[in-house]
């Protein structure tokens, strides 16, 4: 009986870990997709259908690429993306010709 309870707890722990990691990857991919969709919308001025297509395609691509990553890998990727975004913002603020 004790082994059955331990096995159930282990399955619950693994399922919770997998669900939390999947939700974290989905959130990261959605933010990346939203960023690319907004950039494309500003540059090309496409409609809502194309906006959603870019959002979903980028999110799905990120989910596929990050399939084998652990939470630390996703966090490092997010930090790199934030740093790149801050560098782009800095460039935009001090770029000549504005």
C-alpha atoms as a PDB file:
ATOM      1  CA  UNK A   1       0.000   0.000   0.000  1.00  0.00           C
ATOM      2  CA  UNK A   2       2.844   2.361   0.853  1.00  0.00           C
ATOM      3  CA  UNK A   3       4.506   1.820  -2.519  1.00  0.00           C
ATOM      4  CA  UNK A   4       1.272   2.629  -4.304  1.00  0.00           C
ATOM      5  CA  UNK A   5       0.930   5.932  -2.438  1.00  0.00           C
ATOM      6  CA  UNK A   6       4.569   6.811  -3.181  1.00  0.00           C
ATOM      7  CA  UNK A   7       4.096   5.989  -6.866  1.00  0.00           C
ATOM      8  CA  UNK A   8       0.967   8.151  -6.961  1.00  0.00           C
ATOM      9  CA  UNK A   9       2.805  11.043  -5.314  1.00  0.00           C
ATOM     10  CA  UNK A  10       5.683  10.695  -7.790  1.00  0.00           C
ATOM     11  CA  UNK A  11       3.266  10.728 -10.741  1.00  0.00           C
ATOM     12  CA  UNK A  12       1.505  13.782  -9.324  1.00  0.00           C
ATOM     13  CA  UNK A  13       4.849  15.554  -8.850  1.00  0.00           C
ATOM     14  CA  UNK A  14       5.951  14.749 -12.422  1.00  0.00           C
ATOM     15  CA  UNK A  15       2.618  15.836 -13.867  1.00  0.00           C
ATOM     16  CA  UNK A  16       2.672  19.103 -11.925  1.00  0.00           C
ATOM     17  CA  UNK A  17       6.245  19.784 -13.040  1.00  0.00           C
ATOM     18  CA  UNK A  18       5.410  19.054 -16.689  1.00  0.00           C
ATOM     19  CA  UNK A  19       2.292  21.232 -16.577  1.00  0.00           C
ATOM     20  CA  UNK A  20       4.109  24.161 -14.950  1.00  0.00           C
ATOM     21  CA  UNK A  21       6.988  23.930 -17.439  1.00  0.00           C
ATOM     22  CA  UNK A  22       4.554  23.750 -20.359  1.00  0.00           C
ATOM     23  CA  UNK A  23       2.662  26.792 -19.096  1.00  0.00           C
ATOM     24  CA  UNK A  24       5.947  28.697 -18.631  1.00  0.00           C
ATOM     25  CA  UNK A  25       7.087  27.777 -22.160  1.00  0.00           C
ATOM     26  CA  UNK A  26       3.677  28.755 -23.563  1.00  0.00           C
ATOM     27  CA  UNK A  27       3.808  32.137 -21.819  1.00  0.00           C
ATOM     28  CA  UNK A  28       7.350  32.784 -23.062  1.00  0.00           C
ATOM     29  CA  UNK A  29       6.411  31.753 -26.596  1.00  0.00           C
ATOM     30  CA  UNK A  30       3.283  33.909 -26.525  1.00  0.00           C
ATOM     31  CA  UNK A  31       5.298  36.953 -25.459  1.00  0.00           C
ATOM     32  CA  UNK A  32       7.826  36.301 -28.214  1.00  0.00           C
ATOM     33  CA  UNK A  33       5.031  35.795 -30.744  1.00  0.00           C
ATOM     34  CA  UNK A  34       3.241  38.938 -29.626  1.00  0.00           C
ATOM     35  CA  UNK A  35       6.457  40.915 -30.000  1.00  0.00           C
ATOM     36  CA  UNK A  36       7.063  39.655 -33.533  1.00  0.00           C
ATOM     37  CA  UNK A  37       3.409  40.168 -34.471  1.00  0.00           C
ATOM     38  CA  UNK A  38       3.472  43.769 -33.214  1.00  0.00           C
ATOM     39  CA  UNK A  39       6.732  44.484 -35.038  1.00  0.00           C
ATOM     40  CA  UNK A  40       5.322  43.053 -38.253  1.00  0.00           C
ATOM     41  CA  UNK A  41       2.077  44.950 -37.816  1.00  0.00           C
ATOM     42  CA  UNK A  42       3.936  48.241 -37.440  1.00  0.00           C
ATOM     43  CA  UNK A  43       6.237  47.599 -40.395  1.00  0.00           C
ATOM     44  CA  UNK A  44       3.834  45.989 -42.863  1.00  0.00           C
ATOM     45  CA  UNK A  45       0.433  47.136 -41.533  1.00  0.00           C
ATOM     46  CA  UNK A  46      -1.236  43.787 -42.100  1.00  0.00           C
ATOM     47  CA  UNK A  47      -4.658  42.771 -40.834  1.00  0.00           C
ATOM     48  CA  UNK A  48      -5.879  40.866 -37.825  1.00  0.00           C
ATOM     49  CA  UNK A  49      -5.692  37.442 -39.496  1.00  0.00           C
ATOM     50  CA  UNK A  50      -2.011  37.860 -40.330  1.00  0.00           C
ATOM     51  CA  UNK A  51      -1.366  39.215 -36.848  1.00  0.00           C
ATOM     52  CA  UNK A  52      -2.883  36.091 -35.293  1.00  0.00           C
ATOM     53  CA  UNK A  53      -1.074  33.835 -37.758  1.00  0.00           C
ATOM     54  CA  UNK A  54       2.311  35.315 -36.810  1.00  0.00           C
ATOM     55  CA  UNK A  55       1.425  35.101 -33.115  1.00  0.00           C
ATOM     56  CA  UNK A  56       0.370  31.447 -33.281  1.00  0.00           C
ATOM     57  CA  UNK A  57       3.174  30.386 -35.638  1.00  0.00           C
ATOM     58  CA  UNK A  58       5.886  31.969 -33.492  1.00  0.00           C
ATOM     59  CA  UNK A  59       4.418  30.515 -30.305  1.00  0.00           C
ATOM     60  CA  UNK A  60       4.212  27.048 -31.873  1.00  0.00           C
ATOM     61  CA  UNK A  61       7.763  27.313 -33.212  1.00  0.00           C
ATOM     62  CA  UNK A  62       9.064  28.306 -29.785  1.00  0.00           C
ATOM     63  CA  UNK A  63       7.173  25.449 -28.130  1.00  0.00           C
ATOM     64  CA  UNK A  64       8.728  23.031 -30.628  1.00  0.00           C
ATOM     65  CA  UNK A  65      12.258  24.434 -30.246  1.00  0.00           C
ATOM     66  CA  UNK A  66      12.161  24.533 -26.442  1.00  0.00           C
ATOM     67  CA  UNK A  67      10.690  21.050 -26.083  1.00  0.00           C
ATOM     68  CA  UNK A  68      13.774  19.607 -24.383  1.00  0.00           C
ATOM     69  CA  UNK A  69      14.652  22.649 -22.292  1.00  0.00           C
ATOM     70  CA  UNK A  70      14.478  22.762 -18.539  1.00  0.00           C
ATOM     71  CA  UNK A  71      13.026  25.777 -16.669  1.00  0.00           C
ATOM     72  CA  UNK A  72      16.488  27.297 -16.225  1.00  0.00           C
ATOM     73  CA  UNK A  73      17.044  27.207 -19.992  1.00  0.00           C
ATOM     74  CA  UNK A  74      13.741  28.974 -20.616  1.00  0.00           C
ATOM     75  CA  UNK A  75      14.592  31.595 -17.991  1.00  0.00           C
ATOM     76  CA  UNK A  76      17.992  32.219 -19.568  1.00  0.00           C
ATOM     77  CA  UNK A  77      16.348  32.588 -22.980  1.00  0.00           C
ATOM     78  CA  UNK A  78      13.851  35.071 -21.509  1.00  0.00           C
ATOM     79  CA  UNK A  79      16.640  37.080 -19.891  1.00  0.00           C
ATOM     80  CA  UNK A  80      18.581  37.228 -23.178  1.00  0.00           C
ATOM     81  CA  UNK A  81      15.425  38.407 -24.975  1.00  0.00           C
ATOM     82  CA  UNK A  82      14.852  41.119 -22.367  1.00  0.00           C
ATOM     83  CA  UNK A  83      18.469  42.291 -22.665  1.00  0.00           C
ATOM     84  CA  UNK A  84      18.211  42.435 -26.465  1.00  0.00           C
ATOM     85  CA  UNK A  85      14.979  44.395 -26.125  1.00  0.00           C
ATOM     86  CA  UNK A  86      16.623  46.868 -23.768  1.00  0.00           C
ATOM     87  CA  UNK A  87      19.525  47.326 -26.189  1.00  0.00           C
ATOM     88  CA  UNK A  88      17.105  47.988 -29.063  1.00  0.00           C
ATOM     89  CA  UNK A  89      15.192  50.475 -26.927  1.00  0.00           C
ATOM     90  CA  UNK A  90      18.432  52.239 -26.037  1.00  0.00           C
ATOM     91  CA  UNK A  91      19.400  52.402 -29.711  1.00  0.00           C
ATOM     92  CA  UNK A  92      16.006  53.827 -30.649  1.00  0.00           C
ATOM     93  CA  UNK A  93      16.202  56.487 -27.938  1.00  0.00           C
ATOM     94  CA  UNK A  94      19.654  57.740 -28.880  1.00  0.00           C
ATOM     95  CA  UNK A  95      19.622  57.041 -32.626  1.00  0.00           C
ATOM     96  CA  UNK A  96      20.528  60.033 -34.758  1.00  0.00           C
ATOM     97  CA  UNK A  97      17.992  61.526 -37.113  1.00  0.00           C
ATOM     98  CA  UNK A  98      14.958  61.589 -34.830  1.00  0.00           C
END
